Structures are given as C-alpha cells and as structure tokens.
C-alpha cells in the first residue's frame, strides 16, 4: 500500500522559513517524479515543484523559483520542500504527489497523493 505522508506545516509569520517533509512508503519510487502542489482556500490545486527520484533533477513553478527548494533523501525515502521568505499568499494546504516517469505539472496526472499539511503565513 503506497503512502505519502506530509509533515512540517504550521503557523508562521511573513518572512519566516519552513521545511515540509513527505515520507514515501509502500513501493519503490525510483521511476517516479515526486511533486509538491498547494491549494489555497477556494482556489485550484497548483504545481509548486518536482524532483526526479533517481537523478534529483528539479523543476519549479515560476513564482516559486528562488524561494522554494525541493530535495530528496533516497536513504530515508523522503522528499522535502524548503520554503523561505514566506508570504501570506503562500498560505495553503501543501500536498505531496508522485507521478510515474514524467514531469507533469497537472494534478490530474499524479498517481499517488498524500493528505496534505496546512501552512498558514500571517502578516
């Protein structure tokens, strides 16, 4: 049974940093692309960043470049999202997702999802 479990969310102030984790289990993820999406209240689920499990190649939504960093620890089967200089508009539920082989930026294309972790940024 595949599980993606996010953690690390919380309430922070504007300008703070936060690191989210996604613990993956239940299968080998070597052929998968690991993703972070986010969904703010009343809005669609948006692509944030992706990383290929094997090569560690990273991809970002244009608006996240420079502030967010995605990484993975193969030994721990965990994917991270380091978020710096947080803004109130970053407030959202952040989801970890896995897609087989290809870097999609479309949530419909994901094969597996976590349940999400809430990040709230106060001004």
PDB file of N, CA and C in Angstrom:
ATOM      1  N   UNK A   1       0.843  -1.191   0.000  1.00  0.00           N
ATOM      2  CA  UNK A   1       0.000   0.000   0.000  1.00  0.00           C
ATOM      3  C   UNK A   1       0.884   1.248   0.000  1.00  0.00           C
ATOM      4  N   UNK A   2       0.745   2.042  -1.034  1.00  0.00           N
ATOM      5  CA  UNK A   2       1.555   3.254  -1.145  1.00  0.00           C
ATOM      6  C   UNK A   2       1.029   4.314  -0.189  1.00  0.00           C
ATOM      7  N   UNK A   3       1.962   4.936   0.505  1.00  0.00           N
ATOM      8  CA  UNK A   3       1.608   6.035   1.396  1.00  0.00           C
ATOM      9  C   UNK A   3       2.558   7.191   1.196  1.00  0.00           C
ATOM     10  N   UNK A   4       2.005   8.375   1.096  1.00  0.00           N
ATOM     11  CA  UNK A   4       2.771   9.614   1.117  1.00  0.00           C
ATOM     12  C   UNK A   4       2.248  10.414   2.302  1.00  0.00           C
ATOM     13  N   UNK A   5       3.128  10.687   3.242  1.00  0.00           N
ATOM     14  CA  UNK A   5       2.698  11.355   4.470  1.00  0.00           C
ATOM     15  C   UNK A   5       3.472  12.655   4.620  1.00  0.00           C
ATOM     16  N   UNK A   6       2.749  13.754   4.549  1.00  0.00           N
ATOM     17  CA  UNK A   6       3.365  15.074   4.682  1.00  0.00           C
ATOM     18  C   UNK A   6       3.418  15.485   6.151  1.00  0.00           C
ATOM     19  N   UNK A   7       4.412  16.288   6.458  1.00  0.00           N
ATOM     20  CA  UNK A   7       4.528  16.866   7.787  1.00  0.00           C
ATOM     21  C   UNK A   7       5.308  18.159   7.699  1.00  0.00           C
ATOM     22  N   UNK A   8       5.273  18.934   8.790  1.00  0.00           N
ATOM     23  CA  UNK A   8       6.079  20.142   8.843  1.00  0.00           C
ATOM     24  C   UNK A   8       5.306  21.437   8.676  1.00  0.00           C
ATOM     25  N   UNK A   9       4.017  21.342   8.388  1.00  0.00           N
ATOM     26  CA  UNK A   9       3.229  22.554   8.254  1.00  0.00           C
ATOM     27  C   UNK A   9       2.997  23.213   9.594  1.00  0.00           C
ATOM     28  N   UNK A  10       2.458  24.427   9.543  1.00  0.00           N
ATOM     29  CA  UNK A  10       2.170  25.138  10.773  1.00  0.00           C
ATOM     30  C   UNK A  10       1.902  26.598  10.519  1.00  0.00           C
ATOM     31  N   UNK A  11       1.830  27.349  11.600  1.00  0.00           N
ATOM     32  CA  UNK A  11       1.581  28.787  11.550  1.00  0.00           C
ATOM     33  C   UNK A  11       2.904  29.522  11.708  1.00  0.00           C
ATOM     34  N   UNK A  12       3.230  30.359  10.730  1.00  0.00           N
ATOM     35  CA  UNK A  12       4.461  31.139  10.783  1.00  0.00           C
ATOM     36  C   UNK A  12       4.150  32.577  10.401  1.00  0.00           C
ATOM     37  N   UNK A  13       5.117  33.450  10.612  1.00  0.00           N
ATOM     38  CA  UNK A  13       4.959  34.850  10.241  1.00  0.00           C
ATOM     39  C   UNK A  13       5.603  35.110   8.882  1.00  0.00           C
ATOM     40  N   UNK A  14       5.152  36.148   8.236  1.00  0.00           N
ATOM     41  CA  UNK A  14       5.738  36.541   6.955  1.00  0.00           C
ATOM     42  C   UNK A  14       7.244  36.740   7.117  1.00  0.00           C
ATOM     43  N   UNK A  15       7.990  36.205   6.154  1.00  0.00           N
ATOM     44  CA  UNK A  15       9.440  36.292   6.205  1.00  0.00           C
ATOM     45  C   UNK A  15      10.106  35.074   6.818  1.00  0.00           C
ATOM     46  N   UNK A  16       9.340  34.250   7.507  1.00  0.00           N
ATOM     47  CA  UNK A  16       9.895  33.042   8.128  1.00  0.00           C
ATOM     48  C   UNK A  16      10.156  31.953   7.096  1.00  0.00           C
ATOM     49  N   UNK A  17      10.809  30.904   7.559  1.00  0.00           N
ATOM     50  CA  UNK A  17      11.077  29.733   6.733  1.00  0.00           C
ATOM     51  C   UNK A  17      10.402  28.514   7.337  1.00  0.00           C
ATOM     52  N   UNK A  18      10.167  27.520   6.483  1.00  0.00           N
ATOM     53  CA  UNK A  18       9.532  26.280   6.928  1.00  0.00           C
ATOM     54  C   UNK A  18      10.010  25.165   6.015  1.00  0.00           C
ATOM     55  N   UNK A  19      10.216  23.976   6.571  1.00  0.00           N
ATOM     56  CA  UNK A  19      10.571  22.839   5.736  1.00  0.00           C
ATOM     57  C   UNK A  19       9.510  21.764   5.865  1.00  0.00           C
ATOM     58  N   UNK A  20       8.931  21.413   4.744  1.00  0.00           N
ATOM     59  CA  UNK A  20       7.953  20.342   4.701  1.00  0.00           C
ATOM     60  C   UNK A  20       8.646  19.033   4.340  1.00  0.00           C
ATOM     61  N   UNK A  21       8.114  17.936   4.862  1.00  0.00           N
ATOM     62  CA  UNK A  21       8.630  16.609   4.550  1.00  0.00           C
ATOM     63  C   UNK A  21       7.512  15.746   3.986  1.00  0.00           C
ATOM     64  N   UNK A  22       7.895  14.822   3.128  1.00  0.00           N
ATOM     65  CA  UNK A  22       6.965  13.845   2.583  1.00  0.00           C
ATOM     66  C   UNK A  22       7.630  12.481   2.682  1.00  0.00           C
ATOM     67  N   UNK A  23       7.140  11.660   3.589  1.00  0.00           N
ATOM     68  CA  UNK A  23       7.672  10.313   3.760  1.00  0.00           C
ATOM     69  C   UNK A  23       6.922   9.358   2.846  1.00  0.00           C
ATOM     70  N   UNK A  24       7.658   8.692   1.978  1.00  0.00           N
ATOM     71  CA  UNK A  24       7.059   7.803   0.991  1.00  0.00           C
ATOM     72  C   UNK A  24       7.317   6.343   1.355  1.00  0.00           C
ATOM     73  N   UNK A  25       6.306   5.510   1.198  1.00  0.00           N
ATOM     74  CA  UNK A  25       6.457   4.098   1.526  1.00  0.00           C
ATOM     75  C   UNK A  25       5.510   3.258   0.680  1.00  0.00           C
ATOM     76  N   UNK A  26       5.735   1.964   0.673  1.00  0.00           N
ATOM     77  CA  UNK A  26       4.812   1.048   0.016  1.00  0.00           C
ATOM     78  C   UNK A  26       5.247   0.561  -1.350  1.00  0.00           C
ATOM     79  N   UNK A  27       6.275   1.184  -1.915  1.00  0.00           N
ATOM     80  CA  UNK A  27       6.782   0.729  -3.207  1.00  0.00           C
ATOM     81  C   UNK A  27       8.127   1.372  -3.452  1.00  0.00           C
ATOM     82  N   UNK A  28       8.762   0.956  -4.545  1.00  0.00           N
ATOM     83  CA  UNK A  28       9.986   1.605  -4.982  1.00  0.00           C
ATOM     84  C   UNK A  28       9.631   2.817  -5.844  1.00  0.00           C
ATOM     85  N   UNK A  29      10.237   3.940  -5.535  1.00  0.00           N
ATOM     86  CA  UNK A  29       9.892   5.167  -6.240  1.00  0.00           C
ATOM     87  C   UNK A  29      10.943   5.583  -7.263  1.00  0.00           C
ATOM     88  N   UNK A  30      11.816   4.671  -7.631  1.00  0.00           N
ATOM     89  CA  UNK A  30      12.937   5.028  -8.492  1.00  0.00           C
ATOM     90  C   UNK A  30      12.495   5.524  -9.866  1.00  0.00           C
ATOM     91  N   UNK A  31      11.328   5.121 -10.339  1.00  0.00           N
ATOM     92  CA  UNK A  31      10.841   5.570 -11.641  1.00  0.00           C
ATOM     93  C   UNK A  31       9.822   6.700 -11.532  1.00  0.00           C
ATOM     94  N   UNK A  32       9.738   7.271 -10.379  1.00  0.00           N
ATOM     95  CA  UNK A  32       8.720   8.289 -10.140  1.00  0.00           C
ATOM     96  C   UNK A  32       9.321   9.685 -10.059  1.00  0.00           C
ATOM     97  N   UNK A  33       8.469  10.638 -10.366  1.00  0.00           N
ATOM     98  CA  UNK A  33       8.763  12.050 -10.144  1.00  0.00           C
ATOM     99  C   UNK A  33       7.931  12.476  -8.935  1.00  0.00           C
ATOM    100  N   UNK A  34       8.608  13.031  -7.949  1.00  0.00           N
ATOM    101  CA  UNK A  34       7.931  13.459  -6.724  1.00  0.00           C
ATOM    102  C   UNK A  34       7.606  14.946  -6.825  1.00  0.00           C
ATOM    103  N   UNK A  35       6.416  15.300  -6.411  1.00  0.00           N
ATOM    104  CA  UNK A  35       5.910  16.647  -6.612  1.00  0.00           C
ATOM    105  C   UNK A  35       5.365  17.255  -5.317  1.00  0.00           C
ATOM    106  N   UNK A  36       5.379  18.561  -5.296  1.00  0.00           N
ATOM    107  CA  UNK A  36       4.627  19.323  -4.305  1.00  0.00           C
ATOM    108  C   UNK A  36       3.614  20.191  -5.049  1.00  0.00           C
ATOM    109  N   UNK A  37       2.387  20.145  -4.578  1.00  0.00           N
ATOM    110  CA  UNK A  37       1.318  21.022  -5.033  1.00  0.00           C
ATOM    111  C   UNK A  37       0.802  21.785  -3.818  1.00  0.00           C
ATOM    112  N   UNK A  38       0.058  22.831  -4.094  1.00  0.00           N
ATOM    113  CA  UNK A  38      -0.585  23.527  -2.985  1.00  0.00           C
ATOM    114  C   UNK A  38      -1.965  24.006  -3.418  1.00  0.00           C
ATOM    115  N   UNK A  39      -2.834  24.115  -2.428  1.00  0.00           N
ATOM    116  CA  UNK A  39      -4.201  24.557  -2.695  1.00  0.00           C
ATOM    117  C   UNK A  39      -4.626  25.533  -1.616  1.00  0.00           C
ATOM    118  N   UNK A  40      -4.842  26.762  -2.027  1.00  0.00           N
ATOM    119  CA  UNK A  40      -5.338  27.789  -1.120  1.00  0.00           C
ATOM    120  C   UNK A  40      -6.862  27.706  -1.057  1.00  0.00           C
ATOM    121  N   UNK A  41      -7.456  28.228   0.007  1.00  0.00           N
ATOM    122  CA  UNK A  41      -8.909  28.163   0.145  1.00  0.00           C
ATOM    123  C   UNK A  41      -9.621  28.762  -1.061  1.00  0.00           C
ATOM    124  N   UNK A  42     -10.549  27.996  -1.632  1.00  0.00           N
ATOM    125  CA  UNK A  42     -11.332  28.483  -2.751  1.00  0.00           C
ATOM    126  C   UNK A  42     -10.613  28.520  -4.082  1.00  0.00           C
ATOM    127  N   UNK A  43      -9.395  27.973  -4.129  1.00  0.00           N
ATOM    128  CA  UNK A  43      -8.621  28.025  -5.372  1.00  0.00           C
ATOM    129  C   UNK A  43      -8.280  26.621  -5.851  1.00  0.00           C
ATOM    130  N   UNK A  44      -7.760  26.552  -7.067  1.00  0.00           N
ATOM    131  CA  UNK A  44      -7.363  25.273  -7.625  1.00  0.00           C
ATOM    132  C   UNK A  44      -6.045  24.800  -7.011  1.00  0.00           C
ATOM    133  N   UNK A  45      -5.791  23.515  -7.195  1.00  0.00           N
ATOM    134  CA  UNK A  45      -4.536  22.950  -6.728  1.00  0.00           C
ATOM    135  C   UNK A  45      -3.447  23.273  -7.753  1.00  0.00           C
ATOM    136  N   UNK A  46      -2.387  23.943  -7.297  1.00  0.00           N
ATOM    137  CA  UNK A  46      -1.342  24.426  -8.177  1.00  0.00           C
ATOM    138  C   UNK A  46      -0.029  23.687  -7.982  1.00  0.00           C
ATOM    139  N   UNK A  47       0.685  23.507  -9.069  1.00  0.00           N
ATOM    140  CA  UNK A  47       2.021  22.912  -9.036  1.00  0.00           C
ATOM    141  C   UNK A  47       2.992  23.849  -8.333  1.00  0.00           C
ATOM    142  N   UNK A  48       3.843  23.267  -7.495  1.00  0.00           N
ATOM    143  CA  UNK A  48       4.864  24.044  -6.800  1.00  0.00           C
ATOM    144  C   UNK A  48       6.257  23.649  -7.289  1.00  0.00           C
ATOM    145  N   UNK A  49       6.567  22.365  -7.186  1.00  0.00           N
ATOM    146  CA  UNK A  49       7.913  21.899  -7.533  1.00  0.00           C
ATOM    147  C   UNK A  49       7.897  20.400  -7.742  1.00  0.00           C
ATOM    148  N   UNK A  50       8.909  19.905  -8.448  1.00  0.00           N
ATOM    149  CA  UNK A  50       9.042  18.473  -8.689  1.00  0.00           C
ATOM    150  C   UNK A  50      10.506  18.086  -8.695  1.00  0.00           C
ATOM    151  N   UNK A  51      10.751  16.803  -8.410  1.00  0.00           N
ATOM    152  CA  UNK A  51      12.121  16.285  -8.429  1.00  0.00           C
ATOM    153  C   UNK A  51      12.084  14.844  -8.910  1.00  0.00           C
ATOM    154  N   UNK A  52      12.992  14.489  -9.807  1.00  0.00           N
ATOM    155  CA  UNK A  52      13.078  13.099 -10.242  1.00  0.00           C
ATOM    156  C   UNK A  52      13.760  12.296  -9.153  1.00  0.00           C
ATOM    157  N   UNK A  53      13.195  11.142  -8.847  1.00  0.00           N
ATOM    158  CA  UNK A  53      13.716  10.371  -7.717  1.00  0.00           C
ATOM    159  C   UNK A  53      15.159   9.942  -7.959  1.00  0.00           C
ATOM    160  N   UNK A  54      15.446   9.428  -9.142  1.00  0.00           N
ATOM    161  CA  UNK A  54      16.785   8.913  -9.407  1.00  0.00           C
ATOM    162  C   UNK A  54      17.819  10.006  -9.609  1.00  0.00           C
ATOM    163  N   UNK A  55      17.584  10.886 -10.527  1.00  0.00           N
ATOM    164  CA  UNK A  55      18.609  11.861 -10.867  1.00  0.00           C
ATOM    165  C   UNK A  55      18.593  13.122 -10.034  1.00  0.00           C
ATOM    166  N   UNK A  56      17.499  13.348  -9.307  1.00  0.00           N
ATOM    167  CA  UNK A  56      17.415  14.555  -8.493  1.00  0.00           C
ATOM    168  C   UNK A  56      17.287  15.829  -9.305  1.00  0.00           C
ATOM    169  N   UNK A  57      16.784  15.736 -10.526  1.00  0.00           N
ATOM    170  CA  UNK A  57      16.587  16.925 -11.343  1.00  0.00           C
ATOM    171  C   UNK A  57      15.342  17.657 -10.828  1.00  0.00           C
ATOM    172  N   UNK A  58      15.440  18.966 -10.698  1.00  0.00           N
ATOM    173  CA  UNK A  58      14.363  19.727 -10.083  1.00  0.00           C
ATOM    174  C   UNK A  58      13.656  20.645 -11.072  1.00  0.00           C
ATOM    175  N   UNK A  59      12.399  20.899 -10.773  1.00  0.00           N
ATOM    176  CA  UNK A  59      11.549  21.769 -11.585  1.00  0.00           C
ATOM    177  C   UNK A  59      10.708  22.605 -10.630  1.00  0.00           C
ATOM    178  N   UNK A  60      10.450  23.851 -11.027  1.00  0.00           N
ATOM    179  CA  UNK A  60       9.699  24.754 -10.170  1.00  0.00           C
ATOM    180  C   UNK A  60       8.667  25.540 -10.974  1.00  0.00           C
ATOM    181  N   UNK A  61       7.587  25.870 -10.299  1.00  0.00           N
ATOM    182  CA  UNK A  61       6.692  26.875 -10.849  1.00  0.00           C
ATOM    183  C   UNK A  61       7.451  28.198 -10.845  1.00  0.00           C
ATOM    184  N   UNK A  62       7.225  29.008 -11.850  1.00  0.00           N
ATOM    185  CA  UNK A  62       7.999  30.247 -11.986  1.00  0.00           C
ATOM    186  C   UNK A  62       7.916  31.117 -10.736  1.00  0.00           C
ATOM    187  N   UNK A  63       6.764  31.164 -10.123  1.00  0.00           N
ATOM    188  CA  UNK A  63       6.575  32.045  -8.968  1.00  0.00           C
ATOM    189  C   UNK A  63       7.287  31.532  -7.719  1.00  0.00           C
ATOM    190  N   UNK A  64       7.749  30.278  -7.741  1.00  0.00           N
ATOM    191  CA  UNK A  64       8.411  29.700  -6.573  1.00  0.00           C
ATOM    192  C   UNK A  64       9.932  29.747  -6.674  1.00  0.00           C
ATOM    193  N   UNK A  65      10.439  29.984  -7.876  1.00  0.00           N
ATOM    194  CA  UNK A  65      11.880  29.947  -8.069  1.00  0.00           C
ATOM    195  C   UNK A  65      12.571  30.961  -7.174  1.00  0.00           C
ATOM    196  N   UNK A  66      13.629  30.514  -6.527  1.00  0.00           N
ATOM    197  CA  UNK A  66      14.410  31.398  -5.674  1.00  0.00           C
ATOM    198  C   UNK A  66      13.993  31.381  -4.219  1.00  0.00           C
ATOM    199  N   UNK A  67      12.746  31.033  -3.928  1.00  0.00           N
ATOM    200  CA  UNK A  67      12.302  30.981  -2.534  1.00  0.00           C
ATOM    201  C   UNK A  67      12.110  29.557  -2.038  1.00  0.00           C
ATOM    202  N   UNK A  68      11.715  28.667  -2.924  1.00  0.00           N
ATOM    203  CA  UNK A  68      11.431  27.281  -2.539  1.00  0.00           C
ATOM    204  C   UNK A  68      12.498  26.353  -3.130  1.00  0.00           C
ATOM    205  N   UNK A  69      12.854  25.330  -2.376  1.00  0.00           N
ATOM    206  CA  UNK A  69      13.809  24.332  -2.843  1.00  0.00           C
ATOM    207  C   UNK A  69      13.290  22.940  -2.547  1.00  0.00           C
ATOM    208  N   UNK A  70      13.211  22.124  -3.562  1.00  0.00           N
ATOM    209  CA  UNK A  70      12.795  20.735  -3.381  1.00  0.00           C
ATOM    210  C   UNK A  70      14.036  19.853  -3.364  1.00  0.00           C
ATOM    211  N   UNK A  71      14.012  18.833  -2.521  1.00  0.00           N
ATOM    212  CA  UNK A  71      15.132  17.897  -2.441  1.00  0.00           C
ATOM    213  C   UNK A  71      14.598  16.544  -2.002  1.00  0.00           C
ATOM    214  N   UNK A  72      15.461  15.528  -2.086  1.00  0.00           N
ATOM    215  CA  UNK A  72      15.040  14.216  -1.595  1.00  0.00           C
ATOM    216  C   UNK A  72      16.206  13.511  -0.954  1.00  0.00           C
ATOM    217  N   UNK A  73      15.870  12.644  -0.003  1.00  0.00           N
ATOM    218  CA  UNK A  73      16.841  11.802   0.674  1.00  0.00           C
ATOM    219  C   UNK A  73      16.454  10.367   0.343  1.00  0.00           C
ATOM    220  N   UNK A  74      17.218   9.751  -0.560  1.00  0.00           N
ATOM    221  CA  UNK A  74      16.860   8.420  -1.018  1.00  0.00           C
ATOM    222  C   UNK A  74      16.900   7.415   0.121  1.00  0.00           C
ATOM    223  N   UNK A  75      17.882   7.528   0.979  1.00  0.00           N
ATOM    224  CA  UNK A  75      18.020   6.579   2.089  1.00  0.00           C
ATOM    225  C   UNK A  75      16.819   6.639   3.025  1.00  0.00           C
ATOM    226  N   UNK A  76      16.252   7.819   3.168  1.00  0.00           N
ATOM    227  CA  UNK A  76      15.116   7.984   4.076  1.00  0.00           C
ATOM    228  C   UNK A  76      13.782   7.918   3.345  1.00  0.00           C
ATOM    229  N   UNK A  77      13.828   7.771   2.009  1.00  0.00           N
ATOM    230  CA  UNK A  77      12.594   7.752   1.209  1.00  0.00           C
ATOM    231  C   UNK A  77      11.731   8.974   1.499  1.00  0.00           C
ATOM    232  N   UNK A  78      12.367  10.110   1.557  1.00  0.00           N
ATOM    233  CA  UNK A  78      11.674  11.328   1.952  1.00  0.00           C
ATOM    234  C   UNK A  78      11.996  12.453   0.975  1.00  0.00           C
ATOM    235  N   UNK A  79      10.983  13.236   0.680  1.00  0.00           N
ATOM    236  CA  UNK A  79      11.116  14.413  -0.160  1.00  0.00           C
ATOM    237  C   UNK A  79      10.858  15.637   0.710  1.00  0.00           C
ATOM    238  N   UNK A  80      11.586  16.697   0.464  1.00  0.00           N
ATOM    239  CA  UNK A  80      11.474  17.903   1.269  1.00  0.00           C
ATOM    240  C   UNK A  80      11.103  19.096   0.398  1.00  0.00           C
ATOM    241  N   UNK A  81      10.486  20.076   1.039  1.00  0.00           N
ATOM    242  CA  UNK A  81      10.265  21.365   0.398  1.00  0.00           C
ATOM    243  C   UNK A  81      10.688  22.437   1.401  1.00  0.00           C
ATOM    244  N   UNK A  82      11.801  23.068   1.111  1.00  0.00           N
ATOM    245  CA  UNK A  82      12.287  24.171   1.941  1.00  0.00           C
ATOM    246  C   UNK A  82      11.673  25.457   1.407  1.00  0.00           C
ATOM    247  N   UNK A  83      10.990  26.159   2.275  1.00  0.00           N
ATOM    248  CA  UNK A  83      10.297  27.382   1.874  1.00  0.00           C
ATOM    249  C   UNK A  83      10.864  28.546   2.678  1.00  0.00           C
ATOM    250  N   UNK A  84      11.395  29.526   1.983  1.00  0.00           N
ATOM    251  CA  UNK A  84      11.990  30.693   2.626  1.00  0.00           C
ATOM    252  C   UNK A  84      11.212  31.951   2.270  1.00  0.00           C
ATOM    253  N   UNK A  85      11.411  32.988   3.082  1.00  0.00           N
ATOM    254  CA  UNK A  85      10.763  34.283   2.840  1.00  0.00           C
ATOM    255  C   UNK A  85       9.268  34.110   2.580  1.00  0.00           C
ATOM    256  N   UNK A  86       8.629  33.407   3.459  1.00  0.00           N
ATOM    257  CA  UNK A  86       7.217  33.091   3.252  1.00  0.00           C
ATOM    258  C   UNK A  86       6.358  34.346   3.271  1.00  0.00           C
ATOM    259  N   UNK A  87       5.306  34.315   2.458  1.00  0.00           N
ATOM    260  CA  UNK A  87       4.385  35.426   2.328  1.00  0.00           C
ATOM    261  C   UNK A  87       2.979  34.955   2.694  1.00  0.00           C
ATOM    262  N   UNK A  88       2.113  35.859   3.068  1.00  0.00           N
ATOM    263  CA  UNK A  88       0.734  35.450   3.378  1.00  0.00           C
ATOM    264  C   UNK A  88       0.071  34.708   2.217  1.00  0.00           C
ATOM    265  N   UNK A  89       0.420  35.046   0.996  1.00  0.00           N
ATOM    266  CA  UNK A  89      -0.183  34.379  -0.155  1.00  0.00           C
ATOM    267  C   UNK A  89       0.336  32.947  -0.345  1.00  0.00           C
ATOM    268  N   UNK A  90       1.313  32.549   0.445  1.00  0.00           N
ATOM    269  CA  UNK A  90       1.759  31.150   0.430  1.00  0.00           C
ATOM    270  C   UNK A  90       0.874  30.266   1.303  1.00  0.00           C
ATOM    271  N   UNK A  91      -0.046  30.868   2.011  1.00  0.00           N
ATOM    272  CA  UNK A  91      -0.958  30.096   2.855  1.00  0.00           C
ATOM    273  C   UNK A  91      -1.769  29.125   2.010  1.00  0.00           C
ATOM    274  N   UNK A  92      -1.693  27.841   2.359  1.00  0.00           N
ATOM    275  CA  UNK A  92      -2.353  26.805   1.577  1.00  0.00           C
ATOM    276  C   UNK A  92      -2.145  25.455   2.254  1.00  0.00           C
ATOM    277  N   UNK A  93      -2.887  24.473   1.785  1.00  0.00           N
ATOM    278  CA  UNK A  93      -2.562  23.093   2.115  1.00  0.00           C
ATOM    279  C   UNK A  93      -1.556  22.616   1.070  1.00  0.00           C
ATOM    280  N   UNK A  94      -0.460  22.068   1.536  1.00  0.00           N
ATOM    281  CA  UNK A  94       0.597  21.592   0.651  1.00  0.00           C
ATOM    282  C   UNK A  94       0.522  20.075   0.568  1.00  0.00           C
ATOM    283  N   UNK A  95       0.492  19.584  -0.672  1.00  0.00           N
ATOM    284  CA  UNK A  95       0.343  18.160  -0.926  1.00  0.00           C
ATOM    285  C   UNK A  95       1.588  17.594  -1.601  1.00  0.00           C
ATOM    286  N   UNK A  96       1.940  16.406  -1.197  1.00  0.00           N
ATOM    287  CA  UNK A  96       2.968  15.627  -1.865  1.00  0.00           C
ATOM    288  C   UNK A  96       2.282  14.668  -2.835  1.00  0.00           C
ATOM    289  N   UNK A  97       2.860  14.487  -4.011  1.00  0.00           N
ATOM    290  CA  UNK A  97       2.267  13.609  -5.003  1.00  0.00           C
ATOM    291  C   UNK A  97       3.369  12.935  -5.814  1.00  0.00           C
ATOM    292  N   UNK A  98       3.051  11.785  -6.377  1.00  0.00           N
ATOM    293  CA  UNK A  98       4.019  11.046  -7.187  1.00  0.00           C
ATOM    294  C   UNK A  98       3.426  10.729  -8.545  1.00  0.00           C
ATOM    295  N   UNK A  99       4.224  10.895  -9.573  1.00  0.00           N
ATOM    296  CA  UNK A  99       3.811  10.589 -10.937  1.00  0.00           C
ATOM    297  C   UNK A  99       4.850   9.676 -11.568  1.00  0.00           C
ATOM    298  N   UNK A 100       4.386   8.704 -12.325  1.00  0.00           N
ATOM    299  CA  UNK A 100       5.295   7.731 -12.927  1.00  0.00           C
ATOM    300  C   UNK A 100       6.009   8.320 -14.131  1.00  0.00           C
ATOM    301  N   UNK A 101       7.321   8.316 -14.102  1.00  0.00           N
ATOM    302  CA  UNK A 101       8.224   8.636 -15.206  1.00  0.00           C
ATOM    303  C   UNK A 101       8.318  10.106 -15.599  1.00  0.00           C
ATOM    304  N   UNK A 102       7.201  10.786 -15.730  1.00  0.00           N
ATOM    305  CA  UNK A 102       7.192  12.068 -16.432  1.00  0.00           C
ATOM    306  C   UNK A 102       6.931  13.230 -15.479  1.00  0.00           C
ATOM    307  N   UNK A 103       7.538  14.371 -15.795  1.00  0.00           N
ATOM    308  CA  UNK A 103       7.274  15.587 -15.035  1.00  0.00           C
ATOM    309  C   UNK A 103       6.020  16.241 -15.607  1.00  0.00           C
ATOM    310  N   UNK A 104       4.920  16.022 -14.939  1.00  0.00           N
ATOM    311  CA  UNK A 104       3.688  16.711 -15.281  1.00  0.00           C
ATOM    312  C   UNK A 104       3.533  17.859 -14.292  1.00  0.00           C
ATOM    313  N   UNK A 105       2.868  18.861 -14.666  1.00  0.00           N
ATOM    314  CA  UNK A 105       2.550  19.932 -13.716  1.00  0.00           C
ATOM    315  C   UNK A 105       1.049  19.960 -13.465  1.00  0.00           C
ATOM    316  N   UNK A 106       0.388  18.944 -13.912  1.00  0.00           N
ATOM    317  CA  UNK A 106      -1.059  18.831 -13.840  1.00  0.00           C
ATOM    318  C   UNK A 106      -1.425  17.852 -12.737  1.00  0.00           C
ATOM    319  N   UNK A 107      -2.178  18.289 -11.736  1.00  0.00           N
ATOM    320  CA  UNK A 107      -2.528  17.376 -10.645  1.00  0.00           C
ATOM    321  C   UNK A 107      -3.309  16.155 -11.100  1.00  0.00           C
ATOM    322  N   UNK A 108      -3.990  16.247 -12.222  1.00  0.00           N
ATOM    323  CA  UNK A 108      -4.766  15.117 -12.710  1.00  0.00           C
ATOM    324  C   UNK A 108      -3.855  13.947 -13.085  1.00  0.00           C
ATOM    325  N   UNK A 109      -2.614  14.238 -13.411  1.00  0.00           N
ATOM    326  CA  UNK A 109      -1.669  13.219 -13.872  1.00  0.00           C
ATOM    327  C   UNK A 109      -0.973  12.458 -12.745  1.00  0.00           C
ATOM    328  N   UNK A 110      -1.189  12.843 -11.509  1.00  0.00           N
ATOM    329  CA  UNK A 110      -0.491  12.193 -10.408  1.00  0.00           C
ATOM    330  C   UNK A 110      -1.073  10.809 -10.140  1.00  0.00           C
ATOM    331  N   UNK A 111      -0.185   9.876  -9.756  1.00  0.00           N
ATOM    332  CA  UNK A 111      -0.606   8.522  -9.442  1.00  0.00           C
ATOM    333  C   UNK A 111      -0.939   8.351  -7.956  1.00  0.00           C
ATOM    334  N   UNK A 112      -0.232   9.086  -7.121  1.00  0.00           N
ATOM    335  CA  UNK A 112      -0.439   8.962  -5.678  1.00  0.00           C
ATOM    336  C   UNK A 112      -0.420  10.340  -5.038  1.00  0.00           C
ATOM    337  N   UNK A 113      -1.200  10.458  -3.961  1.00  0.00           N
ATOM    338  CA  UNK A 113      -1.290  11.711  -3.213  1.00  0.00           C
ATOM    339  C   UNK A 113      -1.174  11.462  -1.718  1.00  0.00           C
ATOM    340  N   UNK A 114      -0.600  12.434  -1.044  1.00  0.00           N
ATOM    341  CA  UNK A 114      -0.703  12.478   0.400  1.00  0.00           C
ATOM    342  C   UNK A 114      -1.946  13.256   0.801  1.00  0.00           C
ATOM    343  N   UNK A 115      -2.164  13.369   2.096  1.00  0.00           N
ATOM    344  CA  UNK A 115      -3.373  14.045   2.586  1.00  0.00           C
ATOM    345  C   UNK A 115      -3.155  15.527   2.804  1.00  0.00           C
ATOM    346  N   UNK A 116      -1.911  15.966   2.750  1.00  0.00           N
ATOM    347  CA  UNK A 116      -1.628  17.382   2.838  1.00  0.00           C
ATOM    348  C   UNK A 116      -1.252  17.854   4.224  1.00  0.00           C
ATOM    349  N   UNK A 117      -0.568  18.991   4.254  1.00  0.00           N
ATOM    350  CA  UNK A 117      -0.212  19.649   5.501  1.00  0.00           C
ATOM    351  C   UNK A 117      -0.472  21.139   5.335  1.00  0.00           C
ATOM    352  N   UNK A 118      -1.076  21.756   6.336  1.00  0.00           N
ATOM    353  CA  UNK A 118      -1.500  23.145   6.240  1.00  0.00           C
ATOM    354  C   UNK A 118      -0.370  24.086   6.634  1.00  0.00           C
ATOM    355  N   UNK A 119      -0.129  25.055   5.778  1.00  0.00           N
ATOM    356  CA  UNK A 119       0.824  26.122   6.053  1.00  0.00           C
ATOM    357  C   UNK A 119       0.040  27.435   6.101  1.00  0.00           C
ATOM    358  N   UNK A 120       0.158  28.125   7.206  1.00  0.00           N
ATOM    359  CA  UNK A 120      -0.513  29.407   7.369  1.00  0.00           C
ATOM    360  C   UNK A 120       0.547  30.464   7.646  1.00  0.00           C
ATOM    361  N   UNK A 121       0.552  31.506   6.826  1.00  0.00           N
ATOM    362  CA  UNK A 121       1.537  32.578   6.971  1.00  0.00           C
ATOM    363  C   UNK A 121       0.791  33.853   7.358  1.00  0.00           C
ATOM    364  N   UNK A 122       1.083  34.363   8.529  1.00  0.00           N
ATOM    365  CA  UNK A 122       0.422  35.574   8.996  1.00  0.00           C
ATOM    366  C   UNK A 122       1.251  36.794   8.622  1.00  0.00           C
ATOM    367  N   UNK A 123       0.568  37.901   8.426  1.00  0.00           N
ATOM    368  CA  UNK A 123       1.261  39.138   8.018  1.00  0.00           C
ATOM    369  C   UNK A 123       1.704  39.955   9.212  1.00  0.00           C
TER     370      UNK A 123
END
